[in-house]
Amino acid sequence: MRFIAAALLVVSIAACQSSDKKETEDKVDNSVLQAPYATVFYDSLQLAMESYYSLTEGLTQANITYIDRYSGEMKLHLDSLPLQSLQMDSGRLANVRNQVTSMSAELSGLIGEKGIEEKRAAFDMVSGLLFDLIKVTGLKGKTVYRQYCPMALKDAGGFWLSKSNKKMNPYFGNDMLGCVEVTDSLKFN
């Protein structure tokens, strides 16, 4: 009887782990999306993305100087996005403007914070807004991975974006590289 119970426990654990892996794989979308707007917009957005990726690296290293530098750089790039080049209806354009304005404000707050944990909380807000912006506008010729650590922000969980599925945790740095899962991806023509 114990043997049967032990065997059932092993089978159920294996099934759970297999289900978790399948669930994560299902969340990653391999379809190619369109990025239909002007090249000038995407070139400018790509500059903001590069600053974002450098900011992520700074948070991973817990380097305040690096974090503040790339937060300021990203803010400048966002503030100069040529939103007028987006050919979309006025309601969607107003939504995009609000997202960019909110990200800029969060980056100002991030720079103003003194502690690394407060900077990471602001970074989580920026990451969510940036992901939503990219879903609306696209990012021509790029793939963006949305990653997640459930233990970030005092177990509330935190998201960030990456240009690869490389494990890099801006909430815990190199100490918690295992706390990274790709939850979504957006691939654009």
C-alpha atoms as a PDB file:
ATOM      1  CA  MET A   1       0.000   0.000   0.000  1.00  0.00           C
ATOM      2  CA  ARG A   2       2.840   2.389   0.838  1.00  0.00           C
ATOM      3  CA  PHE A   3       4.497   1.569  -2.475  1.00  0.00           C
ATOM      4  CA  ILE A   4       1.335   2.535  -4.375  1.00  0.00           C
ATOM      5  CA  ALA A   5       0.989   5.790  -2.402  1.00  0.00           C
ATOM      6  CA  ALA A   6       4.645   6.651  -3.038  1.00  0.00           C
ATOM      7  CA  ALA A   7       4.273   5.872  -6.735  1.00  0.00           C
ATOM      8  CA  LEU A   8       1.163   8.057  -6.975  1.00  0.00           C
ATOM      9  CA  LEU A   9       3.015  10.901  -5.229  1.00  0.00           C
ATOM     10  CA  VAL A  10       5.934  10.671  -7.685  1.00  0.00           C
ATOM     11  CA  VAL A  11       3.564  10.593 -10.666  1.00  0.00           C
ATOM     12  CA  SER A  12       1.578  13.589  -9.421  1.00  0.00           C
ATOM     13  CA  ILE A  13       4.758  15.630  -8.744  1.00  0.00           C
ATOM     14  CA  ALA A  14       6.096  14.820 -12.209  1.00  0.00           C
ATOM     15  CA  ALA A  15       2.759  15.729 -13.784  1.00  0.00           C
ATOM     16  CA  CYS A  16       2.684  19.021 -11.874  1.00  0.00           C
ATOM     17  CA  GLN A  17       6.208  19.904 -12.982  1.00  0.00           C
ATOM     18  CA  SER A  18       5.398  18.943 -16.568  1.00  0.00           C
ATOM     19  CA  SER A  19       2.206  21.010 -16.398  1.00  0.00           C
ATOM     20  CA  ASP A  20       4.148  24.021 -15.033  1.00  0.00           C
ATOM     21  CA  LYS A  21       6.661  23.743 -17.869  1.00  0.00           C
ATOM     22  CA  LYS A  22       3.907  23.402 -20.467  1.00  0.00           C
ATOM     23  CA  GLU A  23       2.056  26.367 -18.944  1.00  0.00           C
ATOM     24  CA  THR A  24       5.196  28.541 -19.195  1.00  0.00           C
ATOM     25  CA  GLU A  25       5.793  27.397 -22.784  1.00  0.00           C
ATOM     26  CA  ASP A  26       2.175  28.202 -23.654  1.00  0.00           C
ATOM     27  CA  LYS A  27       2.626  31.768 -22.379  1.00  0.00           C
ATOM     28  CA  VAL A  28       5.456  32.450 -24.819  1.00  0.00           C
ATOM     29  CA  ASP A  29       3.901  33.519 -28.096  1.00  0.00           C
ATOM     30  CA  ASN A  30       5.989  32.611 -31.141  1.00  0.00           C
ATOM     31  CA  SER A  31       3.793  34.403 -33.695  1.00  0.00           C
ATOM     32  CA  VAL A  32       5.191  37.423 -35.504  1.00  0.00           C
ATOM     33  CA  LEU A  33       3.324  40.686 -34.982  1.00  0.00           C
ATOM     34  CA  GLN A  34       3.265  43.758 -37.189  1.00  0.00           C
ATOM     35  CA  ALA A  35       5.027  47.028 -36.409  1.00  0.00           C
ATOM     36  CA  PRO A  36       3.140  49.293 -38.830  1.00  0.00           C
ATOM     37  CA  TYR A  37       4.327  52.794 -37.927  1.00  0.00           C
ATOM     38  CA  ALA A  38       7.036  55.129 -39.211  1.00  0.00           C
ATOM     39  CA  THR A  39      10.686  54.096 -38.996  1.00  0.00           C
ATOM     40  CA  VAL A  40      11.539  57.370 -37.235  1.00  0.00           C
ATOM     41  CA  PHE A  41       9.286  56.334 -34.331  1.00  0.00           C
ATOM     42  CA  TYR A  42      10.853  52.878 -34.048  1.00  0.00           C
ATOM     43  CA  ASP A  43      14.393  54.244 -34.234  1.00  0.00           C
ATOM     44  CA  SER A  44      13.589  56.581 -31.348  1.00  0.00           C
ATOM     45  CA  LEU A  45      11.797  53.877 -29.345  1.00  0.00           C
ATOM     46  CA  GLN A  46      14.777  51.553 -29.827  1.00  0.00           C
ATOM     47  CA  LEU A  47      17.037  54.161 -28.154  1.00  0.00           C
ATOM     48  CA  ALA A  48      14.674  54.185 -25.169  1.00  0.00           C
ATOM     49  CA  MET A  49      14.727  50.366 -25.123  1.00  0.00           C
ATOM     50  CA  GLU A  50      18.534  50.250 -25.093  1.00  0.00           C
ATOM     51  CA  SER A  51      18.529  52.622 -22.101  1.00  0.00           C
ATOM     52  CA  TYR A  52      15.908  50.395 -20.452  1.00  0.00           C
ATOM     53  CA  TYR A  53      18.074  47.302 -20.964  1.00  0.00           C
ATOM     54  CA  SER A  54      21.080  49.149 -19.487  1.00  0.00           C
ATOM     55  CA  LEU A  55      18.879  50.223 -16.561  1.00  0.00           C
ATOM     56  CA  THR A  56      17.933  46.566 -16.033  1.00  0.00           C
ATOM     57  CA  GLU A  57      21.610  45.635 -15.940  1.00  0.00           C
ATOM     58  CA  GLY A  58      22.294  48.431 -13.444  1.00  0.00           C
ATOM     59  CA  LEU A  59      19.541  47.105 -11.177  1.00  0.00           C
ATOM     60  CA  THR A  60      20.925  43.583 -11.506  1.00  0.00           C
ATOM     61  CA  GLN A  61      24.290  44.903 -10.291  1.00  0.00           C
ATOM     62  CA  ALA A  62      22.606  47.183  -7.684  1.00  0.00           C
ATOM     63  CA  ASN A  63      24.723  50.063  -9.042  1.00  0.00           C
ATOM     64  CA  ILE A  64      22.872  53.276  -8.066  1.00  0.00           C
ATOM     65  CA  THR A  65      25.018  55.504 -10.306  1.00  0.00           C
ATOM     66  CA  TYR A  66      24.356  53.277 -13.301  1.00  0.00           C
ATOM     67  CA  ILE A  67      20.629  53.062 -12.457  1.00  0.00           C
ATOM     68  CA  ASP A  68      20.244  56.841 -12.237  1.00  0.00           C
ATOM     69  CA  ARG A  69      22.250  57.439 -15.421  1.00  0.00           C
ATOM     70  CA  TYR A  70      20.166  55.097 -17.563  1.00  0.00           C
ATOM     71  CA  SER A  71      16.881  56.155 -15.960  1.00  0.00           C
ATOM     72  CA  GLY A  72      17.657  59.744 -16.962  1.00  0.00           C
ATOM     73  CA  GLU A  73      18.735  58.657 -20.442  1.00  0.00           C
ATOM     74  CA  MET A  74      15.585  56.593 -20.935  1.00  0.00           C
ATOM     75  CA  LYS A  75      13.444  59.523 -19.748  1.00  0.00           C
ATOM     76  CA  LEU A  76      15.077  61.807 -22.331  1.00  0.00           C
ATOM     77  CA  HIS A  77      14.439  59.292 -25.104  1.00  0.00           C
ATOM     78  CA  LEU A  78      10.805  58.808 -24.066  1.00  0.00           C
ATOM     79  CA  ASP A  79      10.225  62.556 -23.814  1.00  0.00           C
ATOM     80  CA  SER A  80      11.489  62.967 -27.380  1.00  0.00           C
ATOM     81  CA  LEU A  81       9.517  60.114 -28.973  1.00  0.00           C
ATOM     82  CA  PRO A  82       7.966  61.412 -32.227  1.00  0.00           C
ATOM     83  CA  LEU A  83       4.422  60.416 -31.274  1.00  0.00           C
ATOM     84  CA  GLN A  84       3.042  62.651 -34.037  1.00  0.00           C
ATOM     85  CA  SER A  85       4.414  60.098 -36.533  1.00  0.00           C
ATOM     86  CA  LEU A  86       2.038  57.412 -35.243  1.00  0.00           C
ATOM     87  CA  GLN A  87      -0.829  56.981 -37.684  1.00  0.00           C
ATOM     88  CA  MET A  88      -3.545  55.837 -35.283  1.00  0.00           C
ATOM     89  CA  ASP A  89      -6.921  57.063 -34.112  1.00  0.00           C
ATOM     90  CA  SER A  90      -6.973  59.912 -31.596  1.00  0.00           C
ATOM     91  CA  GLY A  91      -8.158  57.713 -28.710  1.00  0.00           C
ATOM     92  CA  ARG A  92      -5.293  55.243 -29.090  1.00  0.00           C
ATOM     93  CA  LEU A  93      -2.816  58.086 -29.572  1.00  0.00           C
ATOM     94  CA  ALA A  94      -4.037  59.737 -26.355  1.00  0.00           C
ATOM     95  CA  ASN A  95      -3.542  56.392 -24.571  1.00  0.00           C
ATOM     96  CA  VAL A  96       0.026  56.129 -25.927  1.00  0.00           C
ATOM     97  CA  ARG A  97       0.759  59.724 -24.830  1.00  0.00           C
ATOM     98  CA  ASN A  98      -0.541  58.918 -21.324  1.00  0.00           C
ATOM     99  CA  GLN A  99       1.651  55.798 -21.116  1.00  0.00           C
ATOM    100  CA  VAL A 100       4.742  57.737 -22.194  1.00  0.00           C
ATOM    101  CA  THR A 101       3.959  60.581 -19.753  1.00  0.00           C
ATOM    102  CA  SER A 102       3.415  58.087 -16.899  1.00  0.00           C
ATOM    103  CA  MET A 103       6.699  56.301 -17.689  1.00  0.00           C
ATOM    104  CA  SER A 104       8.546  59.609 -17.740  1.00  0.00           C
ATOM    105  CA  ALA A 105       7.071  60.540 -14.342  1.00  0.00           C
ATOM    106  CA  GLU A 106       7.966  57.114 -12.895  1.00  0.00           C
ATOM    107  CA  LEU A 107      11.542  57.496 -14.164  1.00  0.00           C
ATOM    108  CA  SER A 108      11.779  60.919 -12.483  1.00  0.00           C
ATOM    109  CA  GLY A 109      10.567  59.286  -9.271  1.00  0.00           C
ATOM    110  CA  LEU A 110      13.025  56.413  -9.709  1.00  0.00           C
ATOM    111  CA  ILE A 111      15.921  58.868 -10.019  1.00  0.00           C
ATOM    112  CA  GLY A 112      14.701  60.714  -6.912  1.00  0.00           C
ATOM    113  CA  GLU A 113      14.592  57.571  -4.771  1.00  0.00           C
ATOM    114  CA  LYS A 114      17.638  56.922  -2.613  1.00  0.00           C
ATOM    115  CA  GLY A 115      17.202  53.236  -1.771  1.00  0.00           C
ATOM    116  CA  ILE A 116      17.619  50.342  -4.178  1.00  0.00           C
ATOM    117  CA  GLU A 117      14.300  48.721  -3.158  1.00  0.00           C
ATOM    118  CA  GLU A 118      12.376  51.924  -3.907  1.00  0.00           C
ATOM    119  CA  LYS A 119      14.153  52.187  -7.266  1.00  0.00           C
ATOM    120  CA  ARG A 120      13.174  48.600  -8.038  1.00  0.00           C
ATOM    121  CA  ALA A 121       9.512  49.296  -7.198  1.00  0.00           C
ATOM    122  CA  ALA A 122       9.489  52.254  -9.620  1.00  0.00           C
ATOM    123  CA  PHE A 123      11.243  50.083 -12.218  1.00  0.00           C
ATOM    124  CA  ASP A 124       8.397  47.561 -11.970  1.00  0.00           C
ATOM    125  CA  MET A 125       5.911  50.307 -12.839  1.00  0.00           C
ATOM    126  CA  VAL A 126       8.048  51.469 -15.782  1.00  0.00           C
ATOM    127  CA  SER A 127       8.325  47.880 -17.024  1.00  0.00           C
ATOM    128  CA  GLY A 128       4.553  47.384 -17.012  1.00  0.00           C
ATOM    129  CA  LEU A 129       3.916  50.632 -18.854  1.00  0.00           C
ATOM    130  CA  LEU A 130       6.662  49.915 -21.385  1.00  0.00           C
ATOM    131  CA  PHE A 131       5.287  46.449 -22.127  1.00  0.00           C
ATOM    132  CA  ASP A 132       1.819  47.919 -22.680  1.00  0.00           C
ATOM    133  CA  LEU A 133       3.277  50.577 -25.001  1.00  0.00           C
ATOM    134  CA  ILE A 134       5.132  47.984 -27.065  1.00  0.00           C
ATOM    135  CA  LYS A 135       1.981  45.860 -27.354  1.00  0.00           C
ATOM    136  CA  VAL A 136       0.202  48.864 -28.903  1.00  0.00           C
ATOM    137  CA  THR A 137       2.937  50.288 -31.131  1.00  0.00           C
ATOM    138  CA  GLY A 138       5.229  47.335 -31.801  1.00  0.00           C
ATOM    139  CA  LEU A 139       9.021  47.401 -31.990  1.00  0.00           C
ATOM    140  CA  LYS A 140      10.114  46.921 -35.591  1.00  0.00           C
ATOM    141  CA  GLY A 141      12.340  43.895 -36.206  1.00  0.00           C
ATOM    142  CA  LYS A 142      12.739  43.060 -32.507  1.00  0.00           C
ATOM    143  CA  THR A 143      11.614  40.451 -30.020  1.00  0.00           C
ATOM    144  CA  VAL A 144      10.851  41.485 -26.452  1.00  0.00           C
ATOM    145  CA  TYR A 145      10.668  38.919 -23.651  1.00  0.00           C
ATOM    146  CA  ARG A 146       8.604  39.623 -20.555  1.00  0.00           C
ATOM    147  CA  GLN A 147      10.218  38.008 -17.533  1.00  0.00           C
ATOM    148  CA  TYR A 148       8.945  37.523 -13.998  1.00  0.00           C
ATOM    149  CA  CYS A 149      10.185  36.753 -10.515  1.00  0.00           C
ATOM    150  CA  PRO A 150       7.418  35.871  -8.017  1.00  0.00           C
ATOM    151  CA  MET A 151       9.654  36.652  -5.026  1.00  0.00           C
ATOM    152  CA  ALA A 152      10.420  40.236  -6.139  1.00  0.00           C
ATOM    153  CA  LEU A 153       9.048  43.245  -4.299  1.00  0.00           C
ATOM    154  CA  LYS A 154       8.519  41.398  -1.021  1.00  0.00           C
ATOM    155  CA  ASP A 155       6.813  38.433  -2.702  1.00  0.00           C
ATOM    156  CA  ALA A 156       4.367  40.620  -4.661  1.00  0.00           C
ATOM    157  CA  GLY A 157       6.200  39.622  -7.840  1.00  0.00           C
ATOM    158  CA  GLY A 158       7.936  41.781 -10.384  1.00  0.00           C
ATOM    159  CA  PHE A 159       8.108  41.905 -14.171  1.00  0.00           C
ATOM    160  CA  TRP A 160      10.756  43.265 -16.528  1.00  0.00           C
ATOM    161  CA  LEU A 161      11.546  43.179 -20.215  1.00  0.00           C
ATOM    162  CA  SER A 162      14.547  41.653 -21.921  1.00  0.00           C
ATOM    163  CA  LYS A 163      15.895  41.455 -25.457  1.00  0.00           C
ATOM    164  CA  SER A 164      16.804  37.805 -24.865  1.00  0.00           C
ATOM    165  CA  ASN A 165      15.660  34.942 -22.676  1.00  0.00           C
ATOM    166  CA  LYS A 166      18.964  35.185 -20.770  1.00  0.00           C
ATOM    167  CA  LYS A 167      18.481  34.923 -17.022  1.00  0.00           C
ATOM    168  CA  MET A 168      19.067  38.307 -15.413  1.00  0.00           C
ATOM    169  CA  ASN A 169      17.155  39.380 -12.308  1.00  0.00           C
ATOM    170  CA  PRO A 170      16.979  43.148 -11.665  1.00  0.00           C
ATOM    171  CA  TYR A 171      15.181  42.588  -8.363  1.00  0.00           C
ATOM    172  CA  PHE A 172      17.743  40.294  -6.725  1.00  0.00           C
ATOM    173  CA  GLY A 173      20.765  40.557  -8.996  1.00  0.00           C
ATOM    174  CA  ASN A 174      23.020  37.595  -9.533  1.00  0.00           C
ATOM    175  CA  ASP A 175      21.960  36.110  -6.173  1.00  0.00           C
ATOM    176  CA  MET A 176      18.630  34.860  -7.553  1.00  0.00           C
ATOM    177  CA  LEU A 177      19.142  34.022 -11.202  1.00  0.00           C
ATOM    178  CA  GLY A 178      16.947  30.985 -10.707  1.00  0.00           C
ATOM    179  CA  CYS A 179      13.993  33.258  -9.935  1.00  0.00           C
ATOM    180  CA  VAL A 180      13.367  34.121 -13.579  1.00  0.00           C
ATOM    181  CA  GLU A 181      10.673  32.851 -15.886  1.00  0.00           C
ATOM    182  CA  VAL A 182       9.709  34.122 -19.311  1.00  0.00           C
ATOM    183  CA  THR A 183       5.967  34.776 -19.204  1.00  0.00           C
ATOM    184  CA  ASP A 184       5.432  36.315 -22.620  1.00  0.00           C
ATOM    185  CA  SER A 185       7.228  37.376 -25.766  1.00  0.00           C
ATOM    186  CA  LEU A 186       6.408  39.803 -28.528  1.00  0.00           C
ATOM    187  CA  LYS A 187       8.126  39.349 -31.889  1.00  0.00           C
ATOM    188  CA  PHE A 188       7.726  42.045 -34.528  1.00  0.00           C
ATOM    189  CA  ASN A 189       8.423  42.316 -38.276  1.00  0.00           C
END
